[in-house]
Amino acid sequence: MFLLFRKEFHQAIREGRKRQTVRFWKRRPVKPGGRLYSPRLGWFRITDIREVDPSALTDDEARLDGLPSVEALHEKLVELYGSIRPPDRTCFKLTFEFLGDRKDGDGS
């Protein structure tokens, strides 16, 4: 599975300022420890994934997502998904370690 990010987030990911993403999926696509690939960025190791209530997200979680506030995160979710509660989708908070080109994450 691919993990796609808008170009506006690429630099924050590379610099380690964005270490989380909030996504709406029909089912959990990966488990902690799994790896996902993102074109033009590289590999990610999933450190945690959990189902969340999008209205319960906090400013701290928004900052991990590369945004200044939970209000900005909610605005981005509406922009991307049309709602902070799209029908027939579950909200997941996915935290990750950016590995770049190192699929195995061992520094090689």
PDB file of N, CA and C in Angstrom:
ATOM      1  N   MET A   1       0.839  -1.183   0.000  1.00  0.00           N
ATOM      2  CA  MET A   1       0.000   0.000   0.000  1.00  0.00           C
ATOM      3  C   MET A   1       0.882   1.243   0.000  1.00  0.00           C
ATOM      4  N   PHE A   2       0.416   2.244  -0.686  1.00  0.00           N
ATOM      5  CA  PHE A   2       1.101   3.522  -0.740  1.00  0.00           C
ATOM      6  C   PHE A   2       0.502   4.472   0.295  1.00  0.00           C
ATOM      7  N   LEU A   3       1.321   5.362   0.786  1.00  0.00           N
ATOM      8  CA  LEU A   3       0.898   6.420   1.681  1.00  0.00           C
ATOM      9  C   LEU A   3       1.186   7.721   0.947  1.00  0.00           C
ATOM     10  N   LEU A   4       0.145   8.411   0.521  1.00  0.00           N
ATOM     11  CA  LEU A   4       0.322   9.626  -0.262  1.00  0.00           C
ATOM     12  C   LEU A   4       0.226  10.857   0.624  1.00  0.00           C
ATOM     13  N   PHE A   5       1.104  11.819   0.365  1.00  0.00           N
ATOM     14  CA  PHE A   5       1.098  13.098   1.063  1.00  0.00           C
ATOM     15  C   PHE A   5       1.109  14.221   0.044  1.00  0.00           C
ATOM     16  N   ARG A   6       0.396  15.278   0.337  1.00  0.00           N
ATOM     17  CA  ARG A   6       0.463  16.463  -0.503  1.00  0.00           C
ATOM     18  C   ARG A   6       1.861  17.059  -0.419  1.00  0.00           C
ATOM     19  N   LYS A   7       2.264  17.683  -1.510  1.00  0.00           N
ATOM     20  CA  LYS A   7       3.603  18.268  -1.586  1.00  0.00           C
ATOM     21  C   LYS A   7       3.843  19.288  -0.475  1.00  0.00           C
ATOM     22  N   GLU A   8       2.803  19.965  -0.023  1.00  0.00           N
ATOM     23  CA  GLU A   8       2.954  20.976   1.028  1.00  0.00           C
ATOM     24  C   GLU A   8       3.510  20.380   2.331  1.00  0.00           C
ATOM     25  N   PHE A   9       3.422  19.059   2.509  1.00  0.00           N
ATOM     26  CA  PHE A   9       3.908  18.413   3.730  1.00  0.00           C
ATOM     27  C   PHE A   9       5.277  17.740   3.579  1.00  0.00           C
ATOM     28  N   HIS A  10       5.802  17.667   2.382  1.00  0.00           N
ATOM     29  CA  HIS A  10       7.037  16.925   2.146  1.00  0.00           C
ATOM     30  C   HIS A  10       8.207  17.441   2.984  1.00  0.00           C
ATOM     31  N   GLN A  11       8.422  18.743   3.014  1.00  0.00           N
ATOM     32  CA  GLN A  11       9.556  19.289   3.757  1.00  0.00           C
ATOM     33  C   GLN A  11       9.418  19.021   5.251  1.00  0.00           C
ATOM     34  N   ALA A  12       8.215  19.197   5.794  1.00  0.00           N
ATOM     35  CA  ALA A  12       7.990  18.943   7.222  1.00  0.00           C
ATOM     36  C   ALA A  12       8.247  17.475   7.560  1.00  0.00           C
ATOM     37  N   ILE A  13       7.903  16.570   6.656  1.00  0.00           N
ATOM     38  CA  ILE A  13       8.175  15.139   6.871  1.00  0.00           C
ATOM     39  C   ILE A  13       9.674  14.896   6.872  1.00  0.00           C
ATOM     40  N   ARG A  14      10.363  15.420   5.864  1.00  0.00           N
ATOM     41  CA  ARG A  14      11.810  15.220   5.771  1.00  0.00           C
ATOM     42  C   ARG A  14      12.551  15.781   6.987  1.00  0.00           C
ATOM     43  N   GLU A  15      12.049  16.883   7.527  1.00  0.00           N
ATOM     44  CA  GLU A  15      12.688  17.535   8.676  1.00  0.00           C
ATOM     45  C   GLU A  15      12.232  16.953  10.012  1.00  0.00           C
ATOM     46  N   GLY A  16      11.291  16.018   9.992  1.00  0.00           N
ATOM     47  CA  GLY A  16      10.819  15.393  11.218  1.00  0.00           C
ATOM     48  C   GLY A  16       9.796  16.213  11.977  1.00  0.00           C
ATOM     49  N   ARG A  17       9.276  17.275  11.369  1.00  0.00           N
ATOM     50  CA  ARG A  17       8.253  18.091  12.026  1.00  0.00           C
ATOM     51  C   ARG A  17       6.859  17.493  11.866  1.00  0.00           C
ATOM     52  N   LYS A  18       6.666  16.659  10.880  1.00  0.00           N
ATOM     53  CA  LYS A  18       5.392  15.940  10.691  1.00  0.00           C
ATOM     54  C   LYS A  18       5.687  14.465  10.893  1.00  0.00           C
ATOM     55  N   ARG A  19       5.123  13.909  11.976  1.00  0.00           N
ATOM     56  CA  ARG A  19       5.371  12.508  12.327  1.00  0.00           C
ATOM     57  C   ARG A  19       4.070  11.730  12.502  1.00  0.00           C
ATOM     58  N   GLN A  20       2.995  12.315  12.029  1.00  0.00           N
ATOM     59  CA  GLN A  20       1.678  11.699  12.186  1.00  0.00           C
ATOM     60  C   GLN A  20       0.791  12.129  11.021  1.00  0.00           C
ATOM     61  N   THR A  21      -0.181  11.311  10.727  1.00  0.00           N
ATOM     62  CA  THR A  21      -1.198  11.689   9.759  1.00  0.00           C
ATOM     63  C   THR A  21      -2.537  11.123  10.224  1.00  0.00           C
ATOM     64  N   VAL A  22      -3.586  11.879   9.979  1.00  0.00           N
ATOM     65  CA  VAL A  22      -4.942  11.435  10.295  1.00  0.00           C
ATOM     66  C   VAL A  22      -5.595  11.080   8.965  1.00  0.00           C
ATOM     67  N   ARG A  23      -6.113   9.859   8.894  1.00  0.00           N
ATOM     68  CA  ARG A  23      -6.700   9.358   7.643  1.00  0.00           C
ATOM     69  C   ARG A  23      -8.041   8.709   7.917  1.00  0.00           C
ATOM     70  N   PHE A  24      -8.878   8.703   6.892  1.00  0.00           N
ATOM     71  CA  PHE A  24     -10.161   8.009   6.944  1.00  0.00           C
ATOM     72  C   PHE A  24     -10.108   6.839   5.986  1.00  0.00           C
ATOM     73  N   TRP A  25     -10.240   5.636   6.528  1.00  0.00           N
ATOM     74  CA  TRP A  25     -10.208   4.418   5.743  1.00  0.00           C
ATOM     75  C   TRP A  25     -11.381   3.529   6.135  1.00  0.00           C
ATOM     76  N   LYS A  26     -11.715   2.602   5.267  1.00  0.00           N
ATOM     77  CA  LYS A  26     -12.769   1.631   5.582  1.00  0.00           C
ATOM     78  C   LYS A  26     -12.275   0.601   6.587  1.00  0.00           C
ATOM     79  N   ARG A  27     -10.973   0.291   6.535  1.00  0.00           N
ATOM     80  CA  ARG A  27     -10.387  -0.653   7.485  1.00  0.00           C
ATOM     81  C   ARG A  27      -8.934  -0.271   7.720  1.00  0.00           C
ATOM     82  N   ARG A  28      -8.397  -0.751   8.804  1.00  0.00           N
ATOM     83  CA  ARG A  28      -6.997  -0.478   9.170  1.00  0.00           C
ATOM     84  C   ARG A  28      -6.084  -1.132   8.132  1.00  0.00           C
ATOM     85  N   PRO A  29      -5.258  -0.360   7.427  1.00  0.00           N
ATOM     86  CA  PRO A  29      -4.461  -0.926   6.342  1.00  0.00           C
ATOM     87  C   PRO A  29      -3.105  -1.481   6.748  1.00  0.00           C
ATOM     88  N   VAL A  30      -2.656  -1.203   7.966  1.00  0.00           N
ATOM     89  CA  VAL A  30      -1.314  -1.601   8.380  1.00  0.00           C
ATOM     90  C   VAL A  30      -1.283  -1.721   9.899  1.00  0.00           C
ATOM     91  N   LYS A  31      -0.300  -2.455  10.408  1.00  0.00           N
ATOM     92  CA  LYS A  31      -0.124  -2.619  11.849  1.00  0.00           C
ATOM     93  C   LYS A  31       1.146  -1.893  12.282  1.00  0.00           C
ATOM     94  N   PRO A  32       1.269  -1.573  13.566  1.00  0.00           N
ATOM     95  CA  PRO A  32       2.526  -1.004  14.052  1.00  0.00           C
ATOM     96  C   PRO A  32       3.700  -1.907  13.673  1.00  0.00           C
ATOM     97  N   GLY A  33       4.779  -1.285  13.247  1.00  0.00           N
ATOM     98  CA  GLY A  33       5.948  -2.033  12.786  1.00  0.00           C
ATOM     99  C   GLY A  33       5.954  -2.241  11.291  1.00  0.00           C
ATOM    100  N   GLY A  34       4.789  -2.088  10.658  1.00  0.00           N
ATOM    101  CA  GLY A  34       4.702  -2.231   9.212  1.00  0.00           C
ATOM    102  C   GLY A  34       5.360  -1.065   8.498  1.00  0.00           C
ATOM    103  N   ARG A  35       5.557  -1.240   7.221  1.00  0.00           N
ATOM    104  CA  ARG A  35       6.175  -0.195   6.410  1.00  0.00           C
ATOM    105  C   ARG A  35       5.277   0.145   5.241  1.00  0.00           C
ATOM    106  N   LEU A  36       5.284   1.427   4.891  1.00  0.00           N
ATOM    107  CA  LEU A  36       4.542   1.918   3.739  1.00  0.00           C
ATOM    108  C   LEU A  36       5.465   2.788   2.900  1.00  0.00           C
ATOM    109  N   TYR A  37       5.184   2.855   1.623  1.00  0.00           N
ATOM    110  CA  TYR A  37       5.985   3.655   0.694  1.00  0.00           C
ATOM    111  C   TYR A  37       5.191   4.859   0.224  1.00  0.00           C
ATOM    112  N   SER A  38       5.869   5.990   0.102  1.00  0.00           N
ATOM    113  CA  SER A  38       5.255   7.194  -0.433  1.00  0.00           C
ATOM    114  C   SER A  38       6.083   7.698  -1.612  1.00  0.00           C
ATOM    115  N   PRO A  39       5.484   7.777  -2.792  1.00  0.00           N
ATOM    116  CA  PRO A  39       6.219   8.284  -3.952  1.00  0.00           C
ATOM    117  C   PRO A  39       6.786   9.679  -3.673  1.00  0.00           C
ATOM    118  N   ARG A  40       7.980   9.928  -4.178  1.00  0.00           N
ATOM    119  CA  ARG A  40       8.709  11.198  -4.043  1.00  0.00           C
ATOM    120  C   ARG A  40       9.198  11.471  -2.623  1.00  0.00           C
ATOM    121  N   LEU A  41       8.915  10.563  -1.682  1.00  0.00           N
ATOM    122  CA  LEU A  41       9.420  10.713  -0.317  1.00  0.00           C
ATOM    123  C   LEU A  41      10.256   9.509   0.090  1.00  0.00           C
ATOM    124  N   GLY A  42       9.672   8.329   0.044  1.00  0.00           N
ATOM    125  CA  GLY A  42      10.385   7.127   0.441  1.00  0.00           C
ATOM    126  C   GLY A  42       9.565   6.284   1.399  1.00  0.00           C
ATOM    127  N   TRP A  43      10.268   5.600   2.291  1.00  0.00           N
ATOM    128  CA  TRP A  43       9.668   4.612   3.187  1.00  0.00           C
ATOM    129  C   TRP A  43       9.333   5.195   4.552  1.00  0.00           C
ATOM    130  N   PHE A  44       8.303   4.624   5.159  1.00  0.00           N
ATOM    131  CA  PHE A  44       7.850   4.998   6.492  1.00  0.00           C
ATOM    132  C   PHE A  44       7.669   3.733   7.317  1.00  0.00           C
ATOM    133  N   ARG A  45       8.103   3.766   8.572  1.00  0.00           N
ATOM    134  CA  ARG A  45       7.804   2.690   9.513  1.00  0.00           C
ATOM    135  C   ARG A  45       6.656   3.186  10.385  1.00  0.00           C
ATOM    136  N   ILE A  46       5.614   2.399  10.485  1.00  0.00           N
ATOM    137  CA  ILE A  46       4.455   2.764  11.289  1.00  0.00           C
ATOM    138  C   ILE A  46       4.774   2.443  12.751  1.00  0.00           C
ATOM    139  N   THR A  47       4.726   3.460  13.599  1.00  0.00           N
ATOM    140  CA  THR A  47       5.016   3.250  15.018  1.00  0.00           C
ATOM    141  C   THR A  47       3.739   3.020  15.813  1.00  0.00           C
ATOM    142  N   ASP A  48       2.616   3.551  15.334  1.00  0.00           N
ATOM    143  CA  ASP A  48       1.339   3.341  16.002  1.00  0.00           C
ATOM    144  C   ASP A  48       0.218   3.666  15.036  1.00  0.00           C
ATOM    145  N   ILE A  49      -0.871   2.962  15.173  1.00  0.00           N
ATOM    146  CA  ILE A  49      -2.086   3.286  14.422  1.00  0.00           C
ATOM    147  C   ILE A  49      -3.255   2.957  15.334  1.00  0.00           C
ATOM    148  N   ARG A  50      -4.139   3.927  15.474  1.00  0.00           N
ATOM    149  CA  ARG A  50      -5.301   3.691  16.334  1.00  0.00           C
ATOM    150  C   ARG A  50      -6.504   4.458  15.805  1.00  0.00           C
ATOM    151  N   GLU A  51      -7.645   3.873  16.072  1.00  0.00           N
ATOM    152  CA  GLU A  51      -8.905   4.509  15.722  1.00  0.00           C
ATOM    153  C   GLU A  51      -9.130   5.672  16.691  1.00  0.00           C
ATOM    154  N   VAL A  52      -9.534   6.820  16.165  1.00  0.00           N
ATOM    155  CA  VAL A  52      -9.756   7.999  17.001  1.00  0.00           C
ATOM    156  C   VAL A  52     -11.056   8.687  16.615  1.00  0.00           C
ATOM    157  N   ASP A  53     -11.559   9.467  17.540  1.00  0.00           N
ATOM    158  CA  ASP A  53     -12.691  10.357  17.284  1.00  0.00           C
ATOM    159  C   ASP A  53     -12.096  11.668  16.793  1.00  0.00           C
ATOM    160  N   PRO A  54     -12.340  12.069  15.550  1.00  0.00           N
ATOM    161  CA  PRO A  54     -11.698  13.272  15.025  1.00  0.00           C
ATOM    162  C   PRO A  54     -12.033  14.539  15.815  1.00  0.00           C
ATOM    163  N   SER A  55     -13.190  14.578  16.455  1.00  0.00           N
ATOM    164  CA  SER A  55     -13.544  15.769  17.234  1.00  0.00           C
ATOM    165  C   SER A  55     -12.788  15.816  18.557  1.00  0.00           C
ATOM    166  N   ALA A  56     -12.134  14.712  18.947  1.00  0.00           N
ATOM    167  CA  ALA A  56     -11.378  14.665  20.198  1.00  0.00           C
ATOM    168  C   ALA A  56      -9.886  14.923  19.991  1.00  0.00           C
ATOM    169  N   LEU A  57      -9.462  15.174  18.756  1.00  0.00           N
ATOM    170  CA  LEU A  57      -8.048  15.463  18.504  1.00  0.00           C
ATOM    171  C   LEU A  57      -7.659  16.774  19.178  1.00  0.00           C
ATOM    172  N   THR A  58      -6.389  16.901  19.515  1.00  0.00           N
ATOM    173  CA  THR A  58      -5.905  18.059  20.270  1.00  0.00           C
ATOM    174  C   THR A  58      -4.932  18.907  19.441  1.00  0.00           C
ATOM    175  N   ASP A  59      -4.594  20.074  19.979  1.00  0.00           N
ATOM    176  CA  ASP A  59      -3.585  20.919  19.339  1.00  0.00           C
ATOM    177  C   ASP A  59      -2.244  20.198  19.240  1.00  0.00           C
ATOM    178  N   ASP A  60      -1.863  19.458  20.282  1.00  0.00           N
ATOM    179  CA  ASP A  60      -0.599  18.713  20.244  1.00  0.00           C
ATOM    180  C   ASP A  60      -0.597  17.694  19.102  1.00  0.00           C
ATOM    181  N   GLU A  61      -1.702  17.007  18.917  1.00  0.00           N
ATOM    182  CA  GLU A  61      -1.801  16.044  17.814  1.00  0.00           C
ATOM    183  C   GLU A  61      -1.762  16.750  16.465  1.00  0.00           C
ATOM    184  N   ALA A  62      -2.386  17.917  16.380  1.00  0.00           N
ATOM    185  CA  ALA A  62      -2.344  18.690  15.138  1.00  0.00           C
ATOM    186  C   ALA A  62      -0.908  19.089  14.793  1.00  0.00           C
ATOM    187  N   ARG A  63      -0.138  19.490  15.802  1.00  0.00           N
ATOM    188  CA  ARG A  63       1.256  19.872  15.556  1.00  0.00           C
ATOM    189  C   ARG A  63       2.080  18.667  15.082  1.00  0.00           C
ATOM    190  N   LEU A  64       1.826  17.473  15.638  1.00  0.00           N
ATOM    191  CA  LEU A  64       2.499  16.270  15.140  1.00  0.00           C
ATOM    192  C   LEU A  64       2.133  15.994  13.683  1.00  0.00           C
ATOM    193  N   ASP A  65       0.973  16.504  13.279  1.00  0.00           N
ATOM    194  CA  ASP A  65       0.492  16.341  11.907  1.00  0.00           C
ATOM    195  C   ASP A  65       0.978  17.471  10.999  1.00  0.00           C
ATOM    196  N   GLY A  66       1.810  18.363  11.540  1.00  0.00           N
ATOM    197  CA  GLY A  66       2.373  19.438  10.730  1.00  0.00           C
ATOM    198  C   GLY A  66       1.498  20.665  10.620  1.00  0.00           C
ATOM    199  N   LEU A  67       0.490  20.768  11.468  1.00  0.00           N
ATOM    200  CA  LEU A  67      -0.437  21.902  11.425  1.00  0.00           C
ATOM    201  C   LEU A  67      -0.399  22.636  12.766  1.00  0.00           C
ATOM    202  N   PRO A  68      -0.734  23.932  12.770  1.00  0.00           N
ATOM    203  CA  PRO A  68      -0.567  24.730  13.985  1.00  0.00           C
ATOM    204  C   PRO A  68      -1.611  24.509  15.073  1.00  0.00           C
ATOM    205  N   SER A  69      -2.777  23.979  14.698  1.00  0.00           N
ATOM    206  CA  SER A  69      -3.860  23.853  15.685  1.00  0.00           C
ATOM    207  C   SER A  69      -4.837  22.775  15.244  1.00  0.00           C
ATOM    208  N   VAL A  70      -5.657  22.333  16.193  1.00  0.00           N
ATOM    209  CA  VAL A  70      -6.679  21.349  15.865  1.00  0.00           C
ATOM    210  C   VAL A  70      -7.696  21.945  14.896  1.00  0.00           C
ATOM    211  N   GLU A  71      -7.945  23.248  14.998  1.00  0.00           N
ATOM    212  CA  GLU A  71      -8.857  23.886  14.042  1.00  0.00           C
ATOM    213  C   GLU A  71      -8.307  23.779  12.623  1.00  0.00           C
ATOM    214  N   ALA A  72      -6.990  24.007  12.469  1.00  0.00           N
ATOM    215  CA  ALA A  72      -6.367  23.878  11.146  1.00  0.00           C
ATOM    216  C   ALA A  72      -6.418  22.429  10.663  1.00  0.00           C
ATOM    217  N   LEU A  73      -6.255  21.480  11.576  1.00  0.00           N
ATOM    218  CA  LEU A  73      -6.357  20.067  11.211  1.00  0.00           C
ATOM    219  C   LEU A  73      -7.775  19.737  10.750  1.00  0.00           C
ATOM    220  N   HIS A  74      -8.769  20.198  11.469  1.00  0.00           N
ATOM    221  CA  HIS A  74     -10.160  19.957  11.055  1.00  0.00           C
ATOM    222  C   HIS A  74     -10.431  20.588   9.694  1.00  0.00           C
ATOM    223  N   GLU A  75      -9.929  21.793   9.456  1.00  0.00           N
ATOM    224  CA  GLU A  75     -10.105  22.436   8.145  1.00  0.00           C
ATOM    225  C   GLU A  75      -9.467  21.604   7.045  1.00  0.00           C
ATOM    226  N   LYS A  76      -8.275  21.066   7.308  1.00  0.00           N
ATOM    227  CA  LYS A  76      -7.589  20.245   6.310  1.00  0.00           C
ATOM    228  C   LYS A  76      -8.366  18.955   6.049  1.00  0.00           C
ATOM    229  N   LEU A  77      -8.921  18.347   7.097  1.00  0.00           N
ATOM    230  CA  LEU A  77      -9.721  17.131   6.911  1.00  0.00           C
ATOM    231  C   LEU A  77     -10.956  17.413   6.076  1.00  0.00           C
ATOM    232  N   VAL A  78     -11.609  18.552   6.302  1.00  0.00           N
ATOM    233  CA  VAL A  78     -12.779  18.927   5.499  1.00  0.00           C
ATOM    234  C   VAL A  78     -12.351  19.163   4.052  1.00  0.00           C
ATOM    235  N   GLU A  79     -11.212  19.824   3.856  1.00  0.00           N
ATOM    236  CA  GLU A  79     -10.700  20.060   2.506  1.00  0.00           C
ATOM    237  C   GLU A  79     -10.443  18.740   1.777  1.00  0.00           C
ATOM    238  N   LEU A  80      -9.845  17.778   2.479  1.00  0.00           N
ATOM    239  CA  LEU A  80      -9.466  16.511   1.854  1.00  0.00           C
ATOM    240  C   LEU A  80     -10.614  15.522   1.725  1.00  0.00           C
ATOM    241  N   TYR A  81     -11.479  15.479   2.748  1.00  0.00           N
ATOM    242  CA  TYR A  81     -12.508  14.431   2.810  1.00  0.00           C
ATOM    243  C   TYR A  81     -13.936  14.964   2.743  1.00  0.00           C
ATOM    244  N   GLY A  82     -14.108  16.290   2.799  1.00  0.00           N
ATOM    245  CA  GLY A  82     -15.445  16.872   2.739  1.00  0.00           C
ATOM    246  C   GLY A  82     -16.125  16.961   4.091  1.00  0.00           C
ATOM    247  N   SER A  83     -15.507  16.398   5.134  1.00  0.00           N
ATOM    248  CA  SER A  83     -16.123  16.355   6.453  1.00  0.00           C
ATOM    249  C   SER A  83     -15.091  15.862   7.457  1.00  0.00           C
ATOM    250  N   ILE A  84     -15.330  16.126   8.754  1.00  0.00           N
ATOM    251  CA  ILE A  84     -14.475  15.461   9.744  1.00  0.00           C
ATOM    252  C   ILE A  84     -15.093  14.128  10.151  1.00  0.00           C
ATOM    253  N   ARG A  85     -16.191  13.765   9.521  1.00  0.00           N
ATOM    254  CA  ARG A  85     -16.813  12.448   9.719  1.00  0.00           C
ATOM    255  C   ARG A  85     -17.396  11.937   8.392  1.00  0.00           C
ATOM    256  N   PRO A  86     -16.528  11.592   7.431  1.00  0.00           N
ATOM    257  CA  PRO A  86     -17.058  11.084   6.164  1.00  0.00           C
ATOM    258  C   PRO A  86     -17.821   9.777   6.381  1.00  0.00           C
ATOM    259  N   PRO A  87     -18.919   9.595   5.666  1.00  0.00           N
ATOM    260  CA  PRO A  87     -19.716   8.378   5.848  1.00  0.00           C
ATOM    261  C   PRO A  87     -18.934   7.126   5.439  1.00  0.00           C
ATOM    262  N   ASP A  88     -19.216   6.038   6.154  1.00  0.00           N
ATOM    263  CA  ASP A  88     -18.642   4.725   5.849  1.00  0.00           C
ATOM    264  C   ASP A  88     -17.124   4.683   5.964  1.00  0.00           C
ATOM    265  N   ARG A  89     -16.547   5.573   6.746  1.00  0.00           N
ATOM    266  CA  ARG A  89     -15.099   5.588   6.957  1.00  0.00           C
ATOM    267  C   ARG A  89     -14.804   5.699   8.450  1.00  0.00           C
ATOM    268  N   THR A  90     -13.676   5.138   8.843  1.00  0.00           N
ATOM    269  CA  THR A  90     -13.209   5.216  10.216  1.00  0.00           C
ATOM    270  C   THR A  90     -11.999   6.140  10.252  1.00  0.00           C
ATOM    271  N   CYS A  91     -11.900   6.942  11.289  1.00  0.00           N
ATOM    272  CA  CYS A  91     -10.777   7.860  11.450  1.00  0.00           C
ATOM    273  C   CYS A  91      -9.641   7.138  12.171  1.00  0.00           C
ATOM    274  N   PHE A  92      -8.453   7.172  11.558  1.00  0.00           N
ATOM    275  CA  PHE A  92      -7.263   6.570  12.142  1.00  0.00           C
ATOM    276  C   PHE A  92      -6.178   7.626  12.299  1.00  0.00           C
ATOM    277  N   LYS A  93      -5.497   7.565  13.423  1.00  0.00           N
ATOM    278  CA  LYS A  93      -4.313   8.396  13.666  1.00  0.00           C
ATOM    279  C   LYS A  93      -3.113   7.480  13.500  1.00  0.00           C
ATOM    280  N   LEU A  94      -2.295   7.793  12.536  1.00  0.00           N
ATOM    281  CA  LEU A  94      -1.147   6.979  12.168  1.00  0.00           C
ATOM    282  C   LEU A  94       0.121   7.751  12.504  1.00  0.00           C
ATOM    283  N   THR A  95       0.943   7.243  13.418  1.00  0.00           N
ATOM    284  CA  THR A  95       2.231   7.866  13.699  1.00  0.00           C
ATOM    285  C   THR A  95       3.313   7.040  13.013  1.00  0.00           C
ATOM    286  N   PHE A  96       4.369   7.740  12.609  1.00  0.00           N
ATOM    287  CA  PHE A  96       5.364   7.084  11.778  1.00  0.00           C
ATOM    288  C   PHE A  96       6.756   7.639  12.023  1.00  0.00           C
ATOM    289  N   GLU A  97       7.721   6.837  11.591  1.00  0.00           N
ATOM    290  CA  GLU A  97       9.117   7.253  11.498  1.00  0.00           C
ATOM    291  C   GLU A  97       9.435   7.308  10.012  1.00  0.00           C
ATOM    292  N   PHE A  98       9.936   8.432   9.566  1.00  0.00           N
ATOM    293  CA  PHE A  98      10.308   8.580   8.154  1.00  0.00           C
ATOM    294  C   PHE A  98      11.673   7.952   7.940  1.00  0.00           C
ATOM    295  N   LEU A  99      11.756   6.995   7.018  1.00  0.00           N
ATOM    296  CA  LEU A  99      12.991   6.269   6.733  1.00  0.00           C
ATOM    297  C   LEU A  99      13.665   6.737   5.455  1.00  0.00           C
ATOM    298  N   GLY A 100      12.969   7.492   4.628  1.00  0.00           N
ATOM    299  CA  GLY A 100      13.526   7.907   3.355  1.00  0.00           C
ATOM    300  C   GLY A 100      13.730   6.703   2.452  1.00  0.00           C
ATOM    301  N   ASP A 101      14.929   6.593   1.890  1.00  0.00           N
ATOM    302  CA  ASP A 101      15.234   5.484   0.983  1.00  0.00           C
ATOM    303  C   ASP A 101      15.557   4.184   1.693  1.00  0.00           C
ATOM    304  N   ARG A 102      15.685   4.220   3.027  1.00  0.00           N
ATOM    305  CA  ARG A 102      16.093   3.050   3.806  1.00  0.00           C
ATOM    306  C   ARG A 102      14.877   2.210   4.169  1.00  0.00           C
ATOM    307  N   LYS A 103      14.507   1.311   3.333  1.00  0.00           N
ATOM    308  CA  LYS A 103      13.319   0.476   3.590  1.00  0.00           C
ATOM    309  C   LYS A 103      13.444  -0.292   4.900  1.00  0.00           C
ATOM    310  N   ASP A 104      14.644  -0.758   5.237  1.00  0.00           N
ATOM    311  CA  ASP A 104      14.810  -1.562   6.439  1.00  0.00           C
ATOM    312  C   ASP A 104      14.983  -0.701   7.684  1.00  0.00           C
ATOM    313  N   GLY A 105      15.282   0.585   7.528  1.00  0.00           N
ATOM    314  CA  GLY A 105      15.391   1.486   8.661  1.00  0.00           C
ATOM    315  C   GLY A 105      16.635   1.292   9.497  1.00  0.00           C
ATOM    316  N   ASP A 106      17.640   0.558   8.983  1.00  0.00           N
ATOM    317  CA  ASP A 106      18.830   0.311   9.800  1.00  0.00           C
ATOM    318  C   ASP A 106      19.975   1.279   9.481  1.00  0.00           C
ATOM    319  N   GLY A 107      19.676   2.290   8.665  1.00  0.00           N
ATOM    320  CA  GLY A 107      20.708   3.282   8.346  1.00  0.00           C
ATOM    321  C   GLY A 107      21.548   2.940   7.151  1.00  0.00           C
ATOM    322  N   SER A 108      21.290   1.826   6.501  1.00  0.00           N
ATOM    323  CA  SER A 108      22.094   1.453   5.339  1.00  0.00           C
ATOM    324  C   SER A 108      21.513   2.028   4.070  1.00  0.00           C
TER     325      SER A 108
END
